[in-house]
């Protein structure tokens, strides 16, 4: 699980690049962190399954889910790249998202 911890470059189609920082969730076996965009910071929390699928919930206000993420680790990336979809709450459209590791957790 700790291979998912660290800093990640995030590219969501149609949005400015962002940075995610992921670490262990303090309350259950999952991840928690934050997403930093030019427009502000959102909270992230989620789970990783045995096949390397990463499901994240994004919250812009810290109370309600503003977007959901579904990502898969990319073969031959050694766990350094995830690709999938990002969907804003209340919007049917899904946008491609790519997360690439910048650095592991200290």
C-alpha atoms as a PDB file:
ATOM      1  CA  UNK A   1       0.000   0.000   0.000  1.00  0.00           C
ATOM      2  CA  UNK A   2       2.820   2.451   0.764  1.00  0.00           C
ATOM      3  CA  UNK A   3       3.819   2.411  -2.922  1.00  0.00           C
ATOM      4  CA  UNK A   4       0.793   4.673  -3.493  1.00  0.00           C
ATOM      5  CA  UNK A   5       1.961   7.217  -0.922  1.00  0.00           C
ATOM      6  CA  UNK A   6       3.743  10.313  -2.155  1.00  0.00           C
ATOM      7  CA  UNK A   7       3.368  13.215  -4.594  1.00  0.00           C
ATOM      8  CA  UNK A   8       1.664  12.766  -7.957  1.00  0.00           C
ATOM      9  CA  UNK A   9       1.240  14.967 -11.014  1.00  0.00           C
ATOM     10  CA  UNK A  10      -2.452  14.952 -12.007  1.00  0.00           C
ATOM     11  CA  UNK A  11      -3.731  15.697 -15.496  1.00  0.00           C
ATOM     12  CA  UNK A  12      -7.510  15.836 -15.929  1.00  0.00           C
ATOM     13  CA  UNK A  13      -8.615  16.541 -19.490  1.00  0.00           C
ATOM     14  CA  UNK A  14      -9.749  20.153 -19.878  1.00  0.00           C
ATOM     15  CA  UNK A  15      -8.328  21.317 -16.527  1.00  0.00           C
ATOM     16  CA  UNK A  16      -5.027  22.865 -15.433  1.00  0.00           C
ATOM     17  CA  UNK A  17      -2.421  20.414 -14.134  1.00  0.00           C
ATOM     18  CA  UNK A  18      -2.614  19.677 -10.419  1.00  0.00           C
ATOM     19  CA  UNK A  19      -0.601  17.903  -7.723  1.00  0.00           C
ATOM     20  CA  UNK A  20      -1.902  15.196  -5.401  1.00  0.00           C
ATOM     21  CA  UNK A  21      -0.276  14.158  -2.142  1.00  0.00           C
ATOM     22  CA  UNK A  22      -1.419  10.762  -0.839  1.00  0.00           C
ATOM     23  CA  UNK A  23      -0.662   9.035   2.456  1.00  0.00           C
ATOM     24  CA  UNK A  24      -2.214   6.449   4.752  1.00  0.00           C
ATOM     25  CA  UNK A  25      -5.767   7.073   5.913  1.00  0.00           C
ATOM     26  CA  UNK A  26      -5.739   7.390   9.727  1.00  0.00           C
ATOM     27  CA  UNK A  27      -9.089   5.648  10.220  1.00  0.00           C
ATOM     28  CA  UNK A  28      -9.067   2.670   7.824  1.00  0.00           C
ATOM     29  CA  UNK A  29      -6.919   0.749   5.321  1.00  0.00           C
ATOM     30  CA  UNK A  30      -6.979   3.273   2.500  1.00  0.00           C
ATOM     31  CA  UNK A  31      -5.430   6.528   1.345  1.00  0.00           C
ATOM     32  CA  UNK A  32      -6.058  10.146   2.207  1.00  0.00           C
ATOM     33  CA  UNK A  33      -4.535  13.328   0.907  1.00  0.00           C
ATOM     34  CA  UNK A  34      -5.083  16.541  -0.932  1.00  0.00           C
ATOM     35  CA  UNK A  35      -5.285  17.784  -4.488  1.00  0.00           C
ATOM     36  CA  UNK A  36      -3.742  21.182  -5.180  1.00  0.00           C
ATOM     37  CA  UNK A  37      -4.983  23.079  -8.222  1.00  0.00           C
ATOM     38  CA  UNK A  38      -4.323  26.678  -9.277  1.00  0.00           C
ATOM     39  CA  UNK A  39      -7.885  27.466  -8.077  1.00  0.00           C
ATOM     40  CA  UNK A  40      -7.535  25.858  -4.652  1.00  0.00           C
ATOM     41  CA  UNK A  41      -7.163  22.678  -2.610  1.00  0.00           C
ATOM     42  CA  UNK A  42      -9.523  19.683  -2.372  1.00  0.00           C
ATOM     43  CA  UNK A  43      -9.403  16.677  -0.048  1.00  0.00           C
ATOM     44  CA  UNK A  44      -8.990  13.126  -1.363  1.00  0.00           C
ATOM     45  CA  UNK A  45      -9.821   9.788   0.286  1.00  0.00           C
ATOM     46  CA  UNK A  46     -10.159   6.310  -1.120  1.00  0.00           C
ATOM     47  CA  UNK A  47      -9.287   2.659  -1.418  1.00  0.00           C
ATOM     48  CA  UNK A  48      -6.988   0.455  -3.460  1.00  0.00           C
ATOM     49  CA  UNK A  49      -8.090  -3.067  -4.330  1.00  0.00           C
ATOM     50  CA  UNK A  50      -5.946  -6.180  -4.847  1.00  0.00           C
ATOM     51  CA  UNK A  51      -5.803  -5.627  -8.623  1.00  0.00           C
ATOM     52  CA  UNK A  52      -4.343  -2.115  -8.249  1.00  0.00           C
ATOM     53  CA  UNK A  53      -7.592  -0.217  -8.886  1.00  0.00           C
ATOM     54  CA  UNK A  54      -7.646   3.106  -7.063  1.00  0.00           C
ATOM     55  CA  UNK A  55     -11.033   4.664  -6.205  1.00  0.00           C
ATOM     56  CA  UNK A  56     -10.936   8.203  -4.815  1.00  0.00           C
ATOM     57  CA  UNK A  57     -13.550  10.631  -3.557  1.00  0.00           C
ATOM     58  CA  UNK A  58     -12.730  14.322  -3.919  1.00  0.00           C
ATOM     59  CA  UNK A  59     -14.222  16.991  -1.673  1.00  0.00           C
ATOM     60  CA  UNK A  60     -13.803  20.696  -2.315  1.00  0.00           C
ATOM     61  CA  UNK A  61     -15.508  21.726   0.941  1.00  0.00           C
ATOM     62  CA  UNK A  62     -14.408  18.887   3.254  1.00  0.00           C
ATOM     63  CA  UNK A  63     -17.996  17.691   3.762  1.00  0.00           C
ATOM     64  CA  UNK A  64     -19.550  16.554   0.476  1.00  0.00           C
ATOM     65  CA  UNK A  65     -18.174  14.618  -2.494  1.00  0.00           C
ATOM     66  CA  UNK A  66     -17.491  16.951  -5.406  1.00  0.00           C
ATOM     67  CA  UNK A  67     -15.973  14.336  -7.762  1.00  0.00           C
ATOM     68  CA  UNK A  68     -15.137  10.640  -8.001  1.00  0.00           C
ATOM     69  CA  UNK A  69     -12.078   8.997  -9.515  1.00  0.00           C
ATOM     70  CA  UNK A  70     -11.566   5.456 -10.858  1.00  0.00           C
ATOM     71  CA  UNK A  71      -7.979   4.664 -11.843  1.00  0.00           C
ATOM     72  CA  UNK A  72      -5.967   1.584 -12.766  1.00  0.00           C
ATOM     73  CA  UNK A  73      -2.238   1.105 -12.313  1.00  0.00           C
ATOM     74  CA  UNK A  74      -0.602   0.948 -15.726  1.00  0.00           C
ATOM     75  CA  UNK A  75       1.262  -2.232 -16.694  1.00  0.00           C
ATOM     76  CA  UNK A  76       5.040  -1.802 -16.922  1.00  0.00           C
ATOM     77  CA  UNK A  77       4.912   1.490 -14.960  1.00  0.00           C
ATOM     78  CA  UNK A  78       6.178  -0.123 -11.726  1.00  0.00           C
ATOM     79  CA  UNK A  79       3.275   1.542  -9.899  1.00  0.00           C
ATOM     80  CA  UNK A  80       4.289   5.017 -11.064  1.00  0.00           C
ATOM     81  CA  UNK A  81       1.338   5.753 -13.340  1.00  0.00           C
ATOM     82  CA  UNK A  82      -2.437   5.421 -13.020  1.00  0.00           C
ATOM     83  CA  UNK A  83      -4.998   6.139 -15.732  1.00  0.00           C
ATOM     84  CA  UNK A  84      -8.747   6.279 -15.511  1.00  0.00           C
ATOM     85  CA  UNK A  85     -11.720   8.589 -15.270  1.00  0.00           C
ATOM     86  CA  UNK A  86     -12.690  11.630 -13.217  1.00  0.00           C
ATOM     87  CA  UNK A  87     -16.333  12.609 -12.840  1.00  0.00           C
ATOM     88  CA  UNK A  88     -17.586  15.816 -11.246  1.00  0.00           C
ATOM     89  CA  UNK A  89     -20.594  15.276  -8.958  1.00  0.00           C
ATOM     90  CA  UNK A  90     -23.867  15.923 -10.756  1.00  0.00           C
ATOM     91  CA  UNK A  91     -22.250  15.692 -14.191  1.00  0.00           C
ATOM     92  CA  UNK A  92     -22.741  12.637 -16.402  1.00  0.00           C
ATOM     93  CA  UNK A  93     -19.577  13.281 -18.421  1.00  0.00           C
ATOM     94  CA  UNK A  94     -16.397  11.456 -17.453  1.00  0.00           C
ATOM     95  CA  UNK A  95     -12.996  12.954 -18.210  1.00  0.00           C
ATOM     96  CA  UNK A  96      -9.744  11.054 -18.679  1.00  0.00           C
ATOM     97  CA  UNK A  97      -7.274  11.452 -15.818  1.00  0.00           C
ATOM     98  CA  UNK A  98      -3.599  10.451 -15.533  1.00  0.00           C
ATOM     99  CA  UNK A  99      -1.625  10.402 -12.262  1.00  0.00           C
ATOM    100  CA  UNK A 100       2.163  10.131 -12.520  1.00  0.00           C
ATOM    101  CA  UNK A 101       4.400   9.767  -9.457  1.00  0.00           C
ATOM    102  CA  UNK A 102       6.622  12.759  -8.778  1.00  0.00           C
ATOM    103  CA  UNK A 103       8.197  11.430  -5.572  1.00  0.00           C
ATOM    104  CA  UNK A 104       7.534   8.754  -2.940  1.00  0.00           C
ATOM    105  CA  UNK A 105       6.434   9.636   0.559  1.00  0.00           C
ATOM    106  CA  UNK A 106       9.319  10.682   2.841  1.00  0.00           C
END
